[in-house]
Amino acid sequence: MKQSDVSQVFEIAAGFSPRGLEMTSDPNVTYVEVDLAENARLKRKIVNAIITKSTIGSRRNIYFEEGDVLDLTSLQSAIKYLDKTKPITIITEGLLRYLTFAEKTMAAKNIKVLLEQFSGTWIVSDTDLKPNSEREVIILPESFRSRKTKTGINPDLNLFISNAERQRFFERIGFTVEDHNLMEIADELVSPKRLNKTNKEIKDLFNGKHVYIMSNCVT
């Protein structure tokens, strides 16, 4: 986003990421976070508490809206703060793996509608693949395992089978796909050195991990 000089961000299922608070330190950036009602209310409360008790200053350019990626009407309502004469970046992180393929399709079509109104790109960072063999194990963060237990949703069932299937899925809906392997930014990371991680450990961690940057196909 920084490389593209983005000034409007629409993050769906934003959760408790600090990205919006960080980016809106630039008054030229407008950031809209959308999440389910309970999460949106809690996030608004947390950010207000941070702003009140810290020296970071007020934030008049960040908004917290209730919405669901499967409900286009709620997304259209939440996007009202953004200027349609400027492009937007839409972000979904840690969301798609919890959606069935029918739900993924509905979500992608809804996002495509938004991009048709604004232009811009959709960044997706959770398009993990299923294990290639019984010996391969997907290492889920503790938060994923916890949600799996609480919700009864097994995210492993919603993963793509191959790179080709993953790319075809988005192209069929009408996106142009720019594929980036996470190893591209491995040398820029700070945490591995602090945690004494080896290059092999980093490669194993990033194995099969991709970020897709997508825009509407030009016809």
Protein backbone atom coordinates (compact mmCIF):
# COMPACT_ATOMS: atom_id res chain seq x y z
CA MET A 1 0.00 0.00 0.00
CA LYS A 2 2.81 2.42 0.80
CA GLN A 3 4.44 1.69 -2.54
CA SER A 4 1.16 2.55 -4.28
CA ASP A 5 0.65 5.76 -2.29
CA VAL A 6 -2.82 4.62 -1.18
CA SER A 7 -5.02 7.22 0.51
CA GLN A 8 -8.24 5.21 0.96
CA VAL A 9 -8.42 1.81 2.65
CA PHE A 10 -11.45 -0.40 3.23
CA GLU A 11 -10.62 -3.34 5.50
CA ILE A 12 -13.21 -6.10 5.82
CA ALA A 13 -13.23 -8.34 8.90
CA ALA A 14 -10.59 -6.02 10.35
CA GLY A 15 -10.55 -7.69 13.76
CA PHE A 16 -8.10 -6.14 16.22
CA SER A 17 -5.33 -5.28 13.79
CA PRO A 18 -3.63 -1.95 14.62
CA ARG A 19 -3.08 -1.23 10.91
CA GLY A 20 -5.87 1.34 10.67
CA LEU A 21 -4.70 3.25 13.72
CA GLU A 22 -1.13 3.22 12.40
CA MET A 23 -1.97 4.34 8.87
CA THR A 24 -4.29 7.16 9.95
CA SER A 25 -1.41 8.95 11.63
CA ASP A 26 -1.22 10.37 8.11
CA PRO A 27 -4.17 12.81 7.91
CA ASN A 28 -4.36 12.26 4.15
CA VAL A 29 -5.38 8.62 4.63
CA THR A 30 -9.02 7.65 5.14
CA TYR A 31 -9.45 4.21 6.70
CA VAL A 32 -12.72 2.32 7.09
CA GLU A 33 -12.78 -0.86 9.17
CA VAL A 34 -15.73 -3.21 8.77
CA ASP A 35 -16.57 -6.15 11.01
CA LEU A 36 -19.48 -7.99 12.53
CA ALA A 37 -21.46 -5.89 14.99
CA GLU A 38 -19.92 -7.12 18.25
CA ASN A 39 -16.36 -6.89 16.93
CA ALA A 40 -16.91 -3.44 15.41
CA ARG A 41 -18.29 -2.04 18.66
CA LEU A 42 -15.45 -3.51 20.71
CA LYS A 43 -12.79 -2.26 18.28
CA ARG A 44 -14.26 1.25 18.37
CA LYS A 45 -14.19 1.16 22.16
CA ILE A 46 -10.56 -0.03 22.26
CA VAL A 47 -9.32 2.59 19.79
CA ASN A 48 -11.18 5.38 21.60
CA ALA A 49 -9.52 4.29 24.86
CA ILE A 50 -6.09 4.29 23.22
CA ILE A 51 -6.61 7.73 21.76
CA THR A 52 -7.87 9.13 25.07
CA LYS A 53 -5.05 7.72 27.20
CA SER A 54 -2.10 8.23 24.89
CA THR A 55 -0.29 11.02 23.11
CA ILE A 56 -1.04 9.87 19.57
CA GLY A 57 -3.77 12.45 19.12
CA SER A 58 -7.30 12.23 17.78
CA ARG A 59 -8.22 10.32 14.65
CA ARG A 60 -10.91 11.90 12.51
CA ASN A 61 -9.99 9.79 9.49
CA ILE A 62 -10.72 6.27 10.80
CA TYR A 63 -14.22 4.78 10.90
CA PHE A 64 -15.60 1.58 12.41
CA GLU A 65 -18.65 0.16 10.70
CA GLU A 66 -20.78 -2.95 11.16
CA GLY A 67 -20.89 -5.16 8.11
CA ASP A 68 -20.49 -8.62 6.61
CA VAL A 69 -18.52 -9.50 3.50
CA LEU A 70 -21.45 -11.72 2.46
CA ASP A 71 -23.91 -8.81 2.71
CA LEU A 72 -23.34 -6.31 -0.10
CA THR A 73 -25.86 -3.84 1.35
CA SER A 74 -23.88 -3.52 4.58
CA LEU A 75 -20.64 -3.01 2.62
CA GLN A 76 -22.26 -0.32 0.49
CA SER A 77 -23.40 1.44 3.64
CA ALA A 78 -19.96 1.27 5.25
CA ILE A 79 -18.14 2.61 2.22
CA LYS A 80 -19.99 5.94 2.33
CA TYR A 81 -17.01 7.69 3.94
CA LEU A 82 -14.80 7.19 0.88
CA ASP A 83 -14.42 9.39 -2.18
CA LYS A 84 -15.53 7.59 -5.33
CA THR A 85 -13.30 9.78 -7.48
CA LYS A 86 -10.24 8.15 -5.87
CA PRO A 87 -9.09 4.51 -5.96
CA ILE A 88 -9.32 2.34 -2.87
CA THR A 89 -7.46 -0.61 -1.46
CA ILE A 90 -9.66 -3.34 -0.01
CA ILE A 91 -8.04 -5.68 2.51
CA THR A 92 -9.17 -9.07 3.80
CA GLU A 93 -6.76 -10.84 6.10
CA GLY A 94 -7.49 -14.12 7.88
CA LEU A 95 -11.04 -14.24 6.48
CA LEU A 96 -11.27 -16.42 3.37
CA ARG A 97 -10.07 -19.61 5.05
CA TYR A 98 -13.21 -19.52 7.22
CA LEU A 99 -15.55 -19.28 4.23
CA THR A 100 -16.80 -22.20 2.17
CA PHE A 101 -16.15 -21.98 -1.55
CA ALA A 102 -19.73 -20.83 -2.13
CA GLU A 103 -19.19 -18.09 0.46
CA LYS A 104 -15.80 -17.20 -1.02
CA THR A 105 -17.51 -16.72 -4.36
CA MET A 106 -20.18 -14.46 -2.87
CA ALA A 107 -17.55 -12.44 -0.97
CA ALA A 108 -15.38 -12.00 -4.07
CA LYS A 109 -18.35 -10.90 -6.17
CA ASN A 110 -19.35 -8.34 -3.54
CA ILE A 111 -15.81 -6.94 -3.44
CA LYS A 112 -15.75 -6.81 -7.23
CA VAL A 113 -18.86 -4.63 -7.16
CA LEU A 114 -17.12 -2.18 -4.80
CA LEU A 115 -14.04 -2.01 -7.02
CA GLU A 116 -16.25 -1.32 -10.03
CA GLN A 117 -17.52 1.78 -8.21
CA PHE A 118 -14.13 3.07 -7.07
CA SER A 119 -11.35 1.32 -9.02
CA GLY A 120 -8.35 0.12 -7.06
CA THR A 121 -7.16 -3.23 -5.74
CA TRP A 122 -8.05 -6.04 -3.36
CA ILE A 123 -5.24 -7.51 -1.23
CA VAL A 124 -5.74 -11.09 -0.03
CA SER A 125 -3.17 -12.76 2.21
CA ASP A 126 -4.91 -15.98 3.26
CA THR A 127 -5.12 -18.22 0.22
CA ASP A 128 -3.29 -21.17 1.81
CA LEU A 129 -3.21 -24.54 0.06
CA LYS A 130 -4.22 -27.93 1.37
CA PRO A 131 -1.35 -30.27 2.37
CA ASN A 132 0.06 -32.25 -0.56
CA SER A 133 0.42 -35.42 1.49
CA GLU A 134 -0.54 -36.98 4.79
CA ARG A 135 2.91 -36.11 6.13
CA GLU A 136 2.36 -32.40 5.64
CA VAL A 137 0.73 -30.58 8.52
CA ILE A 138 -0.74 -27.11 8.40
CA ILE A 139 0.55 -25.25 11.44
CA LEU A 140 -2.35 -23.19 12.71
CA PRO A 141 -1.73 -20.31 15.10
CA GLU A 142 -3.31 -20.76 18.52
CA SER A 143 -5.99 -18.22 17.64
CA PHE A 144 -7.06 -20.37 14.65
CA ARG A 145 -7.21 -23.52 16.75
CA SER A 146 -9.25 -21.69 19.38
CA ARG A 147 -11.76 -20.41 16.83
CA LYS A 148 -12.01 -23.87 15.29
CA THR A 149 -12.99 -25.25 18.69
CA LYS A 150 -15.45 -22.45 19.50
CA THR A 151 -17.15 -22.15 16.10
CA GLY A 152 -17.05 -25.75 14.91
CA ILE A 153 -15.60 -24.50 11.60
CA ASN A 154 -12.67 -26.49 10.23
CA PRO A 155 -10.79 -23.96 8.08
CA ASP A 156 -8.62 -26.70 6.54
CA LEU A 157 -11.66 -27.84 4.52
CA ASN A 158 -11.88 -24.44 2.84
CA LEU A 159 -8.34 -24.33 1.46
CA PHE A 160 -7.40 -24.38 -2.21
CA ILE A 161 -5.86 -27.52 -3.71
CA SER A 162 -3.25 -25.90 -5.94
CA ASN A 163 -1.83 -22.60 -7.17
CA ALA A 164 -3.67 -23.09 -10.45
CA GLU A 165 -7.02 -23.65 -8.75
CA ARG A 166 -6.46 -20.63 -6.53
CA GLN A 167 -5.71 -18.33 -9.46
CA ARG A 168 -8.53 -19.70 -11.65
CA PHE A 169 -11.02 -19.09 -8.83
CA PHE A 170 -10.40 -15.35 -8.80
CA GLU A 171 -9.95 -15.02 -12.56
CA ARG A 172 -13.32 -16.68 -13.22
CA ILE A 173 -14.99 -14.00 -11.10
CA GLY A 174 -13.32 -11.32 -13.18
CA PHE A 175 -10.12 -10.32 -11.40
CA THR A 176 -6.64 -9.77 -12.75
CA VAL A 177 -4.31 -11.52 -10.30
CA GLU A 178 -0.85 -10.33 -9.29
CA ASP A 179 0.78 -13.12 -7.29
CA HIS A 180 3.48 -12.42 -4.69
CA ASN A 181 5.32 -15.09 -2.69
CA LEU A 182 5.97 -14.03 0.91
CA MET A 183 9.63 -14.95 0.47
CA GLU A 184 9.94 -11.72 -1.52
CA ILE A 185 10.00 -9.73 1.72
CA ALA A 186 11.91 -12.22 3.90
CA ASP A 187 15.04 -10.04 3.96
CA GLU A 188 13.04 -7.06 5.22
CA LEU A 189 11.71 -8.80 8.33
CA VAL A 190 13.00 -7.83 11.77
CA SER A 191 11.43 -10.50 14.00
CA PRO A 192 13.36 -13.54 12.64
CA LYS A 193 16.68 -12.05 13.73
CA ARG A 194 15.33 -11.16 17.15
CA LEU A 195 13.96 -14.69 17.54
CA ASN A 196 17.14 -16.30 16.17
CA LYS A 197 15.27 -18.00 13.34
CA THR A 198 17.33 -19.67 10.63
CA ASN A 199 16.79 -19.14 6.91
CA LYS A 200 15.42 -22.68 6.68
CA GLU A 201 12.86 -21.96 9.40
CA ILE A 202 11.74 -18.86 7.57
CA LYS A 203 11.40 -20.78 4.29
CA ASP A 204 9.41 -23.50 6.03
CA LEU A 205 7.13 -20.90 7.61
CA PHE A 206 6.52 -19.10 4.30
CA ASN A 207 6.21 -22.29 2.26
CA GLY A 208 3.16 -21.96 0.01
CA LYS A 209 2.22 -18.56 1.43
CA HIS A 210 1.19 -15.99 -1.15
CA VAL A 211 -0.36 -12.55 -1.26
CA TYR A 212 -2.71 -11.78 -4.12
CA ILE A 213 -3.17 -8.20 -5.32
CA MET A 214 -6.24 -8.12 -7.53
CA SER A 215 -8.01 -5.61 -9.71
CA ASN A 216 -11.00 -5.84 -12.02
CA CYS A 217 -10.26 -7.18 -15.48
CA VAL A 218 -10.35 -4.52 -18.16
CA THR A 219 -12.72 -5.56 -20.95
